[in-house]
Structure formats: structure tokens, C-alpha cells
Amino acid sequence: MVLIFNAMKVTIVSHENAPAGSAGELHRFCFETADGTGLPKSHSISLRTARVILEGKPPDDALTKMLRAIVSAGESDYDNLIGNTYTDDNDAPVQQAGRRRRHHEGRAP
């Protein structure tokens, strides 16, 4: 039996501002996960949820690295995270996408 390990890759694809008049923790980030076994899957997470997950001391994997980047960024830098890719096997984004930024005022389609 041969086991093949595919490292997880997580890419931030968009950022949505918090709704007007709401808490800043409701900024939402859309991201894709890919493990090499199929098509990438789309997800989204709020800044508030990212903070709660990190309080639980999760394992040091691609998703956690992305969450740390989101939580440590200042609000004016959120759009600069778009296109950054994180993997299970390093601490830094491995790819900065070209100018493929998408910014949503409302929820992602």
C-alpha cells in the first residue's frame, strides 16, 4: 500500500466589509482550499470566527496560518491579503497572485 500525502493549500480570494453599522469583527474573508485530490472548495469566515478558532490553539497548518494572517492584519490591510496562499509546509504565503483582487461590499455570490 502506498500512501500519498497532499499538502493543503489555502488561498484568500476576496474580502467583504462588515455591514454598515455593525461590529468590525464581521468582516468576511472568502478562501479556497485545495489538497490536490479534486477541485478547490470555496469557504468563507468572519474575522470574529477566525479569532475564536485561534483562541483554541489549533494545529499549525495551512488554515491556521491563513487565520493568523487575517487576525494580525490591520483593517486597512485586509484587501492586501487577497491572493495570498498558505500551505501546510511553510510559515509564509507561497504565492502572491497578480492583480486578481475582488472586493465585495455585500456577501459573496
N, C-alpha and C. Protein backbone atom coordinates (compact mmCIF):
# COMPACT_ATOMS: atom_id res chain seq x y z
N MET A 1 0.83 -1.18 0.00
CA MET A 1 0.00 0.00 0.00
C MET A 1 0.88 1.24 0.00
N VAL A 2 0.56 2.18 -0.88
CA VAL A 2 1.30 3.43 -0.97
C VAL A 2 0.41 4.56 -0.49
N LEU A 3 0.90 5.33 0.47
CA LEU A 3 0.17 6.50 0.95
C LEU A 3 0.77 7.75 0.33
N ILE A 4 -0.08 8.58 -0.20
CA ILE A 4 0.38 9.83 -0.81
C ILE A 4 -0.16 10.97 0.03
N PHE A 5 0.72 11.83 0.49
CA PHE A 5 0.31 12.98 1.28
C PHE A 5 0.27 14.21 0.39
N ASN A 6 -0.88 14.82 0.35
CA ASN A 6 -1.03 16.06 -0.41
C ASN A 6 -1.16 17.20 0.59
N ALA A 7 -0.24 18.14 0.52
CA ALA A 7 -0.28 19.28 1.42
C ALA A 7 -1.48 20.16 1.08
N MET A 8 -2.12 20.64 2.12
CA MET A 8 -3.26 21.54 1.95
C MET A 8 -2.74 22.91 1.50
N LYS A 9 -3.48 23.53 0.62
CA LYS A 9 -3.18 24.87 0.14
C LYS A 9 -4.43 25.70 0.34
N VAL A 10 -4.28 26.86 1.00
CA VAL A 10 -5.40 27.75 1.29
C VAL A 10 -5.10 29.11 0.69
N THR A 11 -6.03 29.64 -0.11
CA THR A 11 -5.83 30.92 -0.79
C THR A 11 -6.99 31.86 -0.47
N ILE A 12 -6.67 33.06 0.00
CA ILE A 12 -7.69 34.08 0.24
C ILE A 12 -8.06 34.67 -1.11
N VAL A 13 -9.35 34.64 -1.45
CA VAL A 13 -9.78 35.11 -2.78
C VAL A 13 -10.58 36.41 -2.75
N SER A 14 -11.13 36.78 -1.59
CA SER A 14 -11.84 38.06 -1.52
C SER A 14 -12.06 38.48 -0.08
N HIS A 15 -12.42 39.72 0.08
CA HIS A 15 -12.72 40.30 1.39
C HIS A 15 -14.00 41.11 1.26
N GLU A 16 -14.88 40.98 2.24
CA GLU A 16 -16.12 41.76 2.27
C GLU A 16 -16.10 42.63 3.51
N ASN A 17 -16.42 43.91 3.35
CA ASN A 17 -16.50 44.80 4.50
C ASN A 17 -17.62 44.34 5.43
N ALA A 18 -17.48 44.70 6.69
CA ALA A 18 -18.56 44.46 7.64
C ALA A 18 -19.76 45.30 7.21
N PRO A 19 -20.97 44.81 7.40
CA PRO A 19 -22.15 45.61 7.03
C PRO A 19 -22.15 46.94 7.78
N ALA A 20 -22.65 47.97 7.13
CA ALA A 20 -22.70 49.30 7.73
C ALA A 20 -23.40 49.24 9.08
N GLY A 21 -22.81 49.89 10.07
CA GLY A 21 -23.40 49.94 11.39
C GLY A 21 -23.18 48.71 12.25
N SER A 22 -22.43 47.73 11.75
CA SER A 22 -22.20 46.51 12.52
C SER A 22 -20.78 46.50 13.08
N ALA A 23 -20.51 45.53 13.91
CA ALA A 23 -19.18 45.38 14.51
C ALA A 23 -18.14 45.09 13.42
N GLY A 24 -16.97 45.66 13.60
CA GLY A 24 -15.88 45.43 12.65
C GLY A 24 -15.48 43.98 12.55
N GLU A 25 -15.82 43.19 13.57
CA GLU A 25 -15.46 41.77 13.56
C GLU A 25 -16.25 40.99 12.53
N LEU A 26 -17.19 41.63 11.87
CA LEU A 26 -18.00 40.93 10.87
C LEU A 26 -17.43 41.04 9.46
N HIS A 27 -16.19 41.56 9.34
CA HIS A 27 -15.52 41.48 8.04
C HIS A 27 -15.49 40.00 7.67
N ARG A 28 -15.67 39.71 6.40
CA ARG A 28 -15.72 38.32 5.96
C ARG A 28 -14.64 38.11 4.88
N PHE A 29 -13.98 36.98 4.97
CA PHE A 29 -12.95 36.59 4.02
C PHE A 29 -13.38 35.32 3.32
N CYS A 30 -13.33 35.32 1.99
CA CYS A 30 -13.63 34.13 1.20
C CYS A 30 -12.30 33.51 0.81
N PHE A 31 -12.25 32.18 0.88
CA PHE A 31 -11.00 31.50 0.57
C PHE A 31 -11.29 30.15 -0.06
N GLU A 32 -10.28 29.62 -0.73
CA GLU A 32 -10.37 28.30 -1.35
C GLU A 32 -9.37 27.38 -0.69
N THR A 33 -9.78 26.13 -0.53
CA THR A 33 -8.86 25.10 -0.05
C THR A 33 -8.68 24.07 -1.15
N ALA A 34 -7.46 23.58 -1.26
CA ALA A 34 -7.15 22.54 -2.25
C ALA A 34 -6.14 21.58 -1.64
N ASP A 35 -6.39 20.30 -1.82
CA ASP A 35 -5.44 19.31 -1.32
C ASP A 35 -4.90 18.43 -2.44
N GLY A 36 -5.19 18.80 -3.66
CA GLY A 36 -4.67 18.06 -4.79
C GLY A 36 -5.47 16.83 -5.17
N THR A 37 -6.56 16.56 -4.45
CA THR A 37 -7.32 15.36 -4.75
C THR A 37 -8.60 15.66 -5.52
N GLY A 38 -8.87 16.89 -5.80
CA GLY A 38 -10.09 17.26 -6.51
C GLY A 38 -10.10 18.75 -6.75
N LEU A 39 -11.26 19.25 -7.09
CA LEU A 39 -11.39 20.68 -7.33
C LEU A 39 -11.27 21.46 -6.02
N PRO A 40 -10.74 22.70 -6.09
CA PRO A 40 -10.70 23.53 -4.88
C PRO A 40 -12.11 23.76 -4.35
N LYS A 41 -12.22 23.91 -3.05
CA LYS A 41 -13.50 24.15 -2.40
C LYS A 41 -13.53 25.57 -1.85
N SER A 42 -14.67 26.24 -1.98
CA SER A 42 -14.82 27.62 -1.53
C SER A 42 -15.43 27.66 -0.13
N HIS A 43 -14.92 28.60 0.67
CA HIS A 43 -15.38 28.78 2.05
C HIS A 43 -15.35 30.27 2.37
N SER A 44 -15.96 30.63 3.49
CA SER A 44 -15.81 32.00 3.99
C SER A 44 -15.77 31.96 5.50
N ILE A 45 -15.17 32.99 6.09
CA ILE A 45 -15.04 33.08 7.54
C ILE A 45 -15.04 34.54 7.94
N SER A 46 -15.65 34.82 9.08
CA SER A 46 -15.63 36.19 9.59
C SER A 46 -14.38 36.39 10.45
N LEU A 47 -14.01 37.64 10.61
CA LEU A 47 -12.88 37.98 11.48
C LEU A 47 -13.15 37.46 12.90
N ARG A 48 -14.36 37.60 13.37
CA ARG A 48 -14.73 37.13 14.71
C ARG A 48 -14.49 35.63 14.85
N THR A 49 -14.93 34.85 13.87
CA THR A 49 -14.76 33.39 13.93
C THR A 49 -13.29 33.01 13.87
N ALA A 50 -12.51 33.71 13.06
CA ALA A 50 -11.07 33.45 12.98
C ALA A 50 -10.42 33.64 14.35
N ARG A 51 -10.81 34.71 15.04
CA ARG A 51 -10.25 34.96 16.39
C ARG A 51 -10.62 33.84 17.36
N VAL A 52 -11.86 33.40 17.33
CA VAL A 52 -12.31 32.34 18.24
C VAL A 52 -11.55 31.04 17.97
N ILE A 53 -11.38 30.69 16.72
CA ILE A 53 -10.65 29.46 16.37
C ILE A 53 -9.22 29.52 16.89
N LEU A 54 -8.56 30.66 16.72
CA LEU A 54 -7.17 30.78 17.16
C LEU A 54 -7.04 30.73 18.67
N GLU A 55 -8.06 31.15 19.41
CA GLU A 55 -8.02 31.06 20.87
C GLU A 55 -7.93 29.61 21.34
N GLY A 56 -8.40 28.67 20.51
CA GLY A 56 -8.38 27.25 20.85
C GLY A 56 -7.06 26.58 20.58
N LYS A 57 -6.03 27.30 20.17
CA LYS A 57 -4.69 26.75 19.89
C LYS A 57 -4.74 25.60 18.89
N PRO A 58 -5.22 25.88 17.67
CA PRO A 58 -5.30 24.82 16.65
C PRO A 58 -3.91 24.40 16.16
N PRO A 59 -3.83 23.27 15.44
CA PRO A 59 -2.54 22.82 14.91
C PRO A 59 -1.99 23.82 13.90
N ASP A 60 -0.70 23.78 13.70
CA ASP A 60 -0.03 24.72 12.78
C ASP A 60 -0.14 24.18 11.36
N ASP A 61 -1.26 24.46 10.71
CA ASP A 61 -1.47 24.00 9.35
C ASP A 61 -1.81 25.20 8.45
N ALA A 62 -2.10 24.92 7.20
CA ALA A 62 -2.35 25.99 6.22
C ALA A 62 -3.51 26.88 6.64
N LEU A 63 -4.59 26.29 7.11
CA LEU A 63 -5.75 27.08 7.51
C LEU A 63 -5.41 27.98 8.68
N THR A 64 -4.72 27.45 9.68
CA THR A 64 -4.34 28.24 10.85
C THR A 64 -3.42 29.38 10.45
N LYS A 65 -2.51 29.14 9.54
CA LYS A 65 -1.61 30.20 9.07
C LYS A 65 -2.38 31.32 8.40
N MET A 66 -3.40 30.95 7.62
CA MET A 66 -4.23 31.98 6.99
C MET A 66 -4.99 32.76 8.07
N LEU A 67 -5.56 32.06 9.04
CA LEU A 67 -6.30 32.74 10.10
C LEU A 67 -5.41 33.71 10.88
N ARG A 68 -4.18 33.30 11.15
CA ARG A 68 -3.24 34.20 11.85
C ARG A 68 -2.98 35.45 11.02
N ALA A 69 -2.83 35.28 9.72
CA ALA A 69 -2.59 36.44 8.85
C ALA A 69 -3.79 37.39 8.88
N ILE A 70 -4.98 36.85 8.85
CA ILE A 70 -6.20 37.67 8.89
C ILE A 70 -6.28 38.43 10.21
N VAL A 71 -6.12 37.72 11.32
CA VAL A 71 -6.27 38.32 12.64
C VAL A 71 -5.18 39.36 12.91
N SER A 72 -3.98 39.13 12.42
CA SER A 72 -2.89 40.06 12.70
C SER A 72 -2.87 41.27 11.76
N ALA A 73 -3.63 41.22 10.67
CA ALA A 73 -3.65 42.34 9.72
C ALA A 73 -4.51 43.49 10.27
N GLY A 74 -4.12 44.69 9.93
CA GLY A 74 -4.94 45.84 10.25
C GLY A 74 -6.06 45.96 9.23
N GLU A 75 -7.13 46.62 9.62
CA GLU A 75 -8.29 46.73 8.73
C GLU A 75 -7.93 47.32 7.37
N SER A 76 -7.01 48.25 7.35
CA SER A 76 -6.62 48.87 6.07
C SER A 76 -5.80 47.91 5.19
N ASP A 77 -5.36 46.80 5.75
CA ASP A 77 -4.55 45.82 5.00
C ASP A 77 -5.32 44.58 4.56
N TYR A 78 -6.60 44.49 4.90
CA TYR A 78 -7.36 43.28 4.56
C TYR A 78 -7.33 42.97 3.07
N ASP A 79 -7.52 43.97 2.22
CA ASP A 79 -7.51 43.71 0.78
C ASP A 79 -6.14 43.25 0.29
N ASN A 80 -5.07 43.60 1.01
CA ASN A 80 -3.73 43.17 0.62
C ASN A 80 -3.52 41.67 0.86
N LEU A 81 -4.39 41.04 1.63
CA LEU A 81 -4.29 39.60 1.86
C LEU A 81 -4.83 38.78 0.69
N ILE A 82 -5.62 39.42 -0.15
CA ILE A 82 -6.24 38.71 -1.27
C ILE A 82 -5.17 38.19 -2.22
N GLY A 83 -5.26 36.92 -2.54
CA GLY A 83 -4.29 36.28 -3.42
C GLY A 83 -3.18 35.55 -2.68
N ASN A 84 -3.04 35.78 -1.37
CA ASN A 84 -2.02 35.07 -0.60
C ASN A 84 -2.42 33.62 -0.43
N THR A 85 -1.44 32.74 -0.60
CA THR A 85 -1.65 31.30 -0.46
C THR A 85 -0.78 30.78 0.68
N TYR A 86 -1.36 29.92 1.51
CA TYR A 86 -0.67 29.33 2.64
C TYR A 86 -0.69 27.81 2.48
N THR A 87 0.39 27.16 2.88
CA THR A 87 0.46 25.71 2.78
C THR A 87 0.81 25.11 4.13
N ASP A 88 0.64 23.80 4.24
CA ASP A 88 0.96 23.10 5.48
C ASP A 88 2.44 23.08 5.78
N ASP A 89 3.29 23.29 4.78
CA ASP A 89 4.72 23.06 4.99
C ASP A 89 5.58 24.33 5.03
N ASN A 90 5.00 25.49 5.25
CA ASN A 90 5.82 26.68 5.46
C ASN A 90 5.03 27.74 6.21
N ASP A 91 5.71 28.74 6.69
CA ASP A 91 5.07 29.77 7.51
C ASP A 91 4.63 30.99 6.73
N ALA A 92 5.04 31.13 5.51
CA ALA A 92 4.75 32.35 4.77
C ALA A 92 3.87 32.04 3.58
N PRO A 93 3.15 33.03 3.10
CA PRO A 93 2.41 32.83 1.86
C PRO A 93 3.40 32.42 0.77
N VAL A 94 3.00 31.45 -0.05
CA VAL A 94 3.91 30.99 -1.09
C VAL A 94 3.63 31.63 -2.43
N GLN A 95 2.53 32.32 -2.53
CA GLN A 95 2.18 32.90 -3.82
C GLN A 95 1.42 34.19 -3.59
N GLN A 96 1.82 35.21 -4.26
CA GLN A 96 1.05 36.45 -4.26
C GLN A 96 0.46 36.55 -5.65
N ALA A 97 -0.83 36.41 -5.74
CA ALA A 97 -1.49 36.43 -7.04
C ALA A 97 -1.28 37.77 -7.71
N GLY A 98 -1.44 37.77 -9.03
CA GLY A 98 -1.39 39.03 -9.76
C GLY A 98 -2.48 39.95 -9.27
N ARG A 99 -2.88 40.90 -9.95
CA ARG A 99 -3.90 41.85 -9.52
C ARG A 99 -5.29 41.28 -9.66
N ARG A 100 -5.51 40.09 -9.13
CA ARG A 100 -6.78 39.38 -9.25
C ARG A 100 -7.67 39.67 -8.05
N ARG A 101 -7.62 40.85 -7.53
CA ARG A 101 -8.37 41.19 -6.33
C ARG A 101 -9.84 41.37 -6.62
N ARG A 102 -10.64 40.82 -5.74
CA ARG A 102 -12.08 41.03 -5.80
C ARG A 102 -12.49 41.56 -4.44
N HIS A 103 -13.28 42.59 -4.43
CA HIS A 103 -13.75 43.18 -3.19
C HIS A 103 -15.26 43.24 -3.23
N HIS A 104 -15.89 42.68 -2.24
CA HIS A 104 -17.34 42.63 -2.19
C HIS A 104 -17.86 43.54 -1.10
N GLU A 105 -18.81 44.38 -1.42
CA GLU A 105 -19.45 45.21 -0.40
C GLU A 105 -20.45 44.38 0.38
N GLY A 106 -21.06 43.42 -0.25
CA GLY A 106 -22.03 42.55 0.42
C GLY A 106 -21.50 41.15 0.52
N ARG A 107 -22.38 40.21 0.62
CA ARG A 107 -21.98 38.81 0.72
C ARG A 107 -21.49 38.30 -0.62
N ALA A 108 -20.61 37.32 -0.57
CA ALA A 108 -20.11 36.70 -1.80
C ALA A 108 -21.23 35.94 -2.47
N PRO A 109 -21.25 35.90 -3.79
CA PRO A 109 -22.31 35.15 -4.50
C PRO A 109 -22.22 33.67 -4.23
